[in-house]
Amino acid sequence: MPVCLVLSVIIFISSFLIGFSWRVVDYDQYGLVVNEISRAVVSETVYESGRHFVGLGNVFETFEKDCVTSVWLRDDKNNTKKNEENPGSAAGDISGPITIRTKDGQRLDLDITFQYALDKSTITQLYVAYGKEYSLFFDAIARARIRDRASTYSSDAFFDARIDIEKDFHSTMEKELSTRFVRLVDFQLHEIYIPEDLETRLKQIQLNEIEYTYITTQLQTDVILKETTQAITTLKATRDAKLLTLNQNVDNEMSVINKKLRQAQEETLTQVQYTRSLMDKELGLFAKVTETNVEKTEGVYQRVNAGTALQVANITAQVNELKAKMNFNVSVLSAEANRKYDEKNYDGRSGIIKHESNATKVGFAAFKADAGFSGEDIVAYQFSKMVGSQPSDKLRMDLQKPKELYLPGQQESQSKNLKDQHTGLI
């Protein structure tokens, strides 16, 4: 046989064997390596999820990470006798309720569930002790321990002390499972099924107890009301007596206080009158002294006023004399200034008027020599033309008329009057 073929066969067989040496653990499980045939533990190491090399001929025994729940319910789908309501009818069914006998011999059915969890550190001991069927073993132990504990209670305790019984069951199972390499998570006592006649008796007992409690409570209430009424009456009487005493004490104290107050008022009034008389006497003396001082002060004041008035009169006379002199000087200076101003102003105006008159005369003479007639001739002509065009009843003659209209000697007389009135100007 060729060497290559042998090597290929060896490699193929080795790969095949190696492939069977790898095993997988799911994410929600623990894995314990055991021999595939004997199921004996190969390694005490507990593996988490993933693919691990376990060796040829070895496999994983897997354990759930989640809680394991044990259920015993009458209405469980696996209970074949769930329709029978008589307690004890499902005692042989491991999935049905747990049938127990109470201390007084009564048979009851209990719906119970509990949850426990595996501990990774004790999975090897759990597997060695109980194998993979540990849950069946724990269920059997739980049923036995619950029956034992239930037999210590009477039938009516399951109604009067249900919570305490559930706590007792929980504590019992917790101790039991802690020695079996698992940890109790929770325990629940659900429904309690009793025989119909017992239920009727228990209901009657409960009704009797309720009625007894009601009557007892009513009696106690009556007693309490009576005692309360008596206590209130006593307290009111005590209160009234204390109030009466307090009122009397207050009245007595008020009388004493009023008496002291009147005495104090009388003493105060006397002291006030005495003090007032002293004050009146002192005030009269002070008024006389003050009046004398005022009279003295008024005499001094009058003398000072008279001297002051005399001085003021002298000063006023001097001031008036100075004012008169000043006003006279001002009047003289003002008159002299006005006179000089009028003279200068009159001389200036007269010179201007003379110059204007002379210039006008020269102008008229030159105009008359060049034109052959004067301005008066033009005015007379225009005036006669205007007069001729007007009706005689509307004609009014003015004193300032052209020379042609003057009567004989009238113009000379007017010129002379003007010269007499305005000497030097014409």
Foldseek 3Di string as FASTA:
>chain_A
DDPVVVVVVVVVVVVVQQVQQKAFDAQFKKWFKAFQPPRHGPDLDIHHGDIDGRHGRIYTDIDGQDKDKQWADLPDPQQPPSVDQAAPPRCVPLNHFQWAAALVGFIKTWTKMWIKGADSNCVNVLCVVPNPVVVVVLSVVLSVVLNVLRHDHHPCCCVVVVVVSQVVSQVSSQVVVVVNRMGTDDMDTDDMGGDPVVVVVSVVVVVVVVVVVVVVVVVVVVVVVVVVVVVVVVVVVVVVVVVVVVVVVVVVVVVVVVVVVVVVVVVVVVVVVVVVVVVVVVVVVVVVVVVVVVVVVVVVVVVVVVVVVVVVVVVVVVVVVVVVVVVVVVVVVVVVVVVVVVVVVVVVVLVVLQVVLVVVVVVQVVCCVVVVDGPLVVQQVVVVVVVVVDDPVPDDDDPPHRPVPDDPPRVVVVVVVVCVVPPSND
